[in-house]
Protein backbone atom coordinates (compact mmCIF):
# COMPACT_ATOMS: atom_id res chain seq x y z
CA MET A 1 -61.96 59.20 -8.42
CA LYS A 2 -58.70 59.53 -10.33
CA ARG A 3 -59.05 61.58 -13.50
CA ALA A 4 -57.63 60.16 -16.73
CA ILE A 5 -56.65 63.59 -18.13
CA GLU A 6 -55.20 66.38 -15.98
CA LEU A 7 -53.63 69.78 -16.62
CA ILE A 8 -50.58 70.93 -14.66
CA GLU A 9 -49.59 74.60 -14.89
CA THR A 10 -45.86 75.20 -15.38
CA ARG A 11 -43.40 77.94 -16.29
CA GLN A 12 -40.81 75.40 -17.40
CA GLY A 13 -39.95 75.86 -21.07
CA CYS A 14 -41.34 79.41 -21.21
CA ALA A 15 -39.35 82.06 -23.03
CA MET A 16 -38.22 85.08 -21.04
CA LEU A 17 -40.99 87.35 -22.35
CA GLU A 18 -43.72 84.71 -22.43
CA GLN A 19 -46.45 86.11 -20.20
CA ARG A 20 -48.82 83.16 -19.97
CA PRO A 21 -48.01 79.84 -18.30
CA ARG A 22 -47.79 76.57 -20.18
CA TYR A 23 -49.79 73.49 -19.23
CA ILE A 24 -48.63 69.90 -19.22
CA VAL A 25 -51.33 67.47 -20.33
CA MET A 26 -51.13 64.31 -18.26
CA PHE A 27 -52.91 61.15 -19.40
CA ARG A 28 -53.15 58.37 -16.81
CA GLY A 29 -50.16 59.79 -14.95
CA GLN A 30 -47.89 60.08 -18.01
CA LYS A 31 -46.99 63.26 -19.87
CA HIS A 32 -49.04 63.30 -23.06
CA GLY A 33 -48.15 66.77 -24.35
CA GLU A 34 -47.96 70.46 -23.60
CA LEU A 35 -50.23 73.44 -24.22
CA TYR A 36 -48.75 76.87 -24.91
CA PHE A 37 -50.32 80.23 -25.72
CA ASN A 38 -50.08 81.14 -29.42
CA MET A 39 -51.33 84.68 -30.11
CA THR A 40 -55.07 83.84 -30.03
CA GLY A 41 -55.28 80.90 -27.64
CA TYR A 42 -53.71 77.78 -26.23
CA THR A 43 -52.60 75.06 -28.65
CA GLY A 44 -49.93 72.42 -29.09
CA CYS A 45 -51.49 69.12 -28.06
CA TYR A 46 -54.30 66.77 -28.99
CA LEU A 47 -56.42 65.54 -26.10
CA PRO A 48 -56.77 61.75 -25.85
CA ALA A 49 -60.37 60.73 -26.52
CA PRO A 50 -61.87 57.28 -25.99
CA ALA A 51 -62.64 55.03 -28.94
CA THR A 52 -66.09 55.08 -30.46
CA GLU A 53 -67.81 51.76 -31.24
CA GLY A 54 -64.97 49.50 -32.30
CA ASN A 55 -62.60 52.25 -33.43
CA SER A 56 -59.18 52.77 -31.92
CA PRO A 57 -58.70 55.64 -29.41
CA ALA A 58 -59.04 59.04 -30.99
CA ALA A 59 -57.33 62.38 -30.53
CA LEU A 60 -59.39 65.52 -30.04
CA LEU A 61 -57.99 68.73 -31.51
CA VAL A 62 -59.52 71.67 -29.68
CA GLY A 63 -57.67 74.33 -31.70
CA GLU A 64 -56.44 77.73 -30.54
CA ARG A 65 -58.80 78.32 -27.62
CA SER A 66 -58.79 79.59 -24.06
CA ILE A 67 -57.53 77.38 -21.24
CA ALA A 68 -61.12 77.37 -19.93
CA THR A 69 -62.23 75.66 -23.15
CA TYR A 70 -59.55 73.00 -22.69
CA ARG A 71 -60.68 72.48 -19.09
CA ARG A 72 -64.30 72.07 -20.23
CA GLU A 73 -63.28 69.50 -22.86
CA ILE A 74 -61.21 67.60 -20.30
CA ALA A 75 -64.15 67.65 -17.88
CA ARG A 76 -66.32 66.19 -20.66
CA LEU A 77 -63.76 63.48 -21.58
CA ASN A 78 -62.87 62.27 -18.07
CA PRO A 79 -66.28 60.63 -17.37
CA GLN A 80 -66.02 58.83 -20.72
CA TRP A 81 -62.57 57.48 -19.77
CA ALA A 82 -63.90 56.50 -16.32
CA LYS A 83 -66.58 54.30 -17.96
CA ILE A 84 -63.91 52.54 -20.02
CA ASP A 85 -61.57 52.03 -17.07
CA HIS A 86 -64.23 50.27 -14.99
């Protein structure tokens, strides 16, 4: 099953002294945004969330959190997108 949201680790765009990698957020094969580490956690991009009962698609702001938190949220959102896509 193809996932709607994926994270791709990259060093592209990192400053010379930046110690943590950045992550490209891909949505349905297109670059949606980028996550970077900002002192207390990763931030920089809303995650695309499916619409709720007649509303337009939403954007989920996770906040400055660990990359593991972003992965958990993506794992929670992908089954919701899979229901919509089928």
